[in-house]
Protein backbone atom coordinates (compact mmCIF):
# COMPACT_ATOMS: atom_id res chain seq x y z
CA MET A 1 -8.05 -26.32 21.91
CA LEU A 2 -4.70 -24.96 23.10
CA PRO A 3 -2.77 -22.50 20.93
CA GLU A 4 0.42 -23.72 19.30
CA ARG A 5 3.66 -22.84 21.07
CA PRO A 6 5.89 -20.59 18.95
CA ARG A 7 9.23 -22.00 17.86
CA GLU A 8 12.16 -20.87 19.96
CA GLY A 9 13.48 -17.58 18.62
CA ALA A 10 10.41 -17.03 16.42
CA PRO A 11 8.56 -13.71 16.76
CA ALA A 12 5.27 -13.82 18.62
CA PRO A 13 2.27 -14.01 16.25
CA VAL A 14 0.14 -10.91 15.78
CA THR A 15 -3.34 -11.41 17.21
CA ALA A 16 -6.67 -9.79 16.48
CA GLY A 17 -9.58 -9.13 18.80
CA ALA A 18 -10.03 -12.21 20.98
CA GLY A 19 -6.44 -13.43 20.67
CA GLU A 20 -6.97 -15.18 17.32
CA PRO A 21 -3.80 -15.26 15.19
CA VAL A 22 -3.78 -13.02 12.13
CA SER A 23 -2.62 -14.57 8.87
CA GLU A 24 0.92 -13.73 7.79
CA ALA A 25 -0.43 -11.86 4.76
CA ALA A 26 -2.51 -9.58 7.02
CA GLN A 27 0.38 -8.62 9.31
CA PRO A 28 1.58 -5.01 9.01
CA LEU A 29 4.37 -4.16 6.58
CA ALA A 30 7.10 -1.63 7.22
CA GLY A 31 8.64 0.98 4.95
CA LEU A 32 7.48 1.94 1.48
CA ALA A 33 4.62 0.17 -0.20
CA VAL A 34 4.62 2.09 -3.53
CA ARG A 35 7.02 4.55 -5.16
CA LEU A 36 6.31 6.48 -8.36
CA GLN A 37 9.23 8.10 -10.14
CA GLY A 38 8.68 10.30 -13.18
CA LEU A 39 5.27 8.76 -13.98
CA ARG A 40 3.95 9.92 -17.34
CA ALA A 41 0.66 8.87 -18.96
CA PHE A 42 -0.62 9.59 -22.45
CA TYR A 43 -4.01 9.42 -24.16
CA GLY A 44 -2.98 9.24 -27.79
CA GLU A 45 -0.55 12.12 -28.37
CA ALA A 46 -1.74 14.12 -25.36
CA GLU A 47 0.33 13.79 -22.16
CA GLN A 48 -2.16 13.77 -19.28
CA VAL A 49 0.10 12.91 -16.31
CA LYS A 50 3.46 14.67 -16.40
CA GLY A 51 6.39 13.44 -14.31
CA VAL A 52 4.70 12.50 -11.02
CA ASP A 53 7.01 11.52 -8.14
CA LEU A 54 5.24 10.10 -5.05
CA GLU A 55 5.93 7.67 -2.24
CA PHE A 56 3.18 5.86 -0.36
CA ASN A 57 4.18 4.35 2.99
CA ALA A 58 2.92 0.97 4.11
CA ASN A 59 0.12 0.95 6.71
CA GLU A 60 -0.96 4.52 6.02
CA VAL A 61 -4.13 5.86 4.44
CA THR A 62 -3.55 8.31 1.59
CA ALA A 63 -6.20 10.50 -0.03
CA ILE A 64 -5.69 11.75 -3.57
CA ILE A 65 -7.75 14.87 -4.15
CA GLY A 66 -7.99 17.39 -6.95
CA PRO A 67 -10.36 18.87 -9.49
CA SER A 68 -12.19 16.78 -12.06
CA GLY A 69 -9.98 15.81 -14.98
CA CYS A 70 -6.61 16.42 -13.30
CA GLY A 71 -5.39 12.79 -13.64
CA LYS A 72 -6.13 11.23 -10.24
CA SER A 73 -7.77 8.07 -11.60
CA THR A 74 -5.27 7.79 -14.44
CA MET A 75 -2.40 7.87 -11.95
CA VAL A 76 -4.02 5.17 -9.78
CA ARG A 77 -4.68 2.97 -12.84
CA CYS A 78 -1.03 3.29 -13.87
């Protein structure tokens, strides 16, 4: 089976491994993927996450590390 010819002026499709096209959803994004501004989280009356500002870029791996109970999982759930 021959591959489809791209429309004139259309960008070339991204391919994986053996030249198979990658779905549009799987193609890399550019710029920011997530931005947190002044994130605050409460458990009852107690503020557990206090004013977190972070930016996560698209197509990058980010590790969130810290001691037990510092709010890592709470931040991700938010």
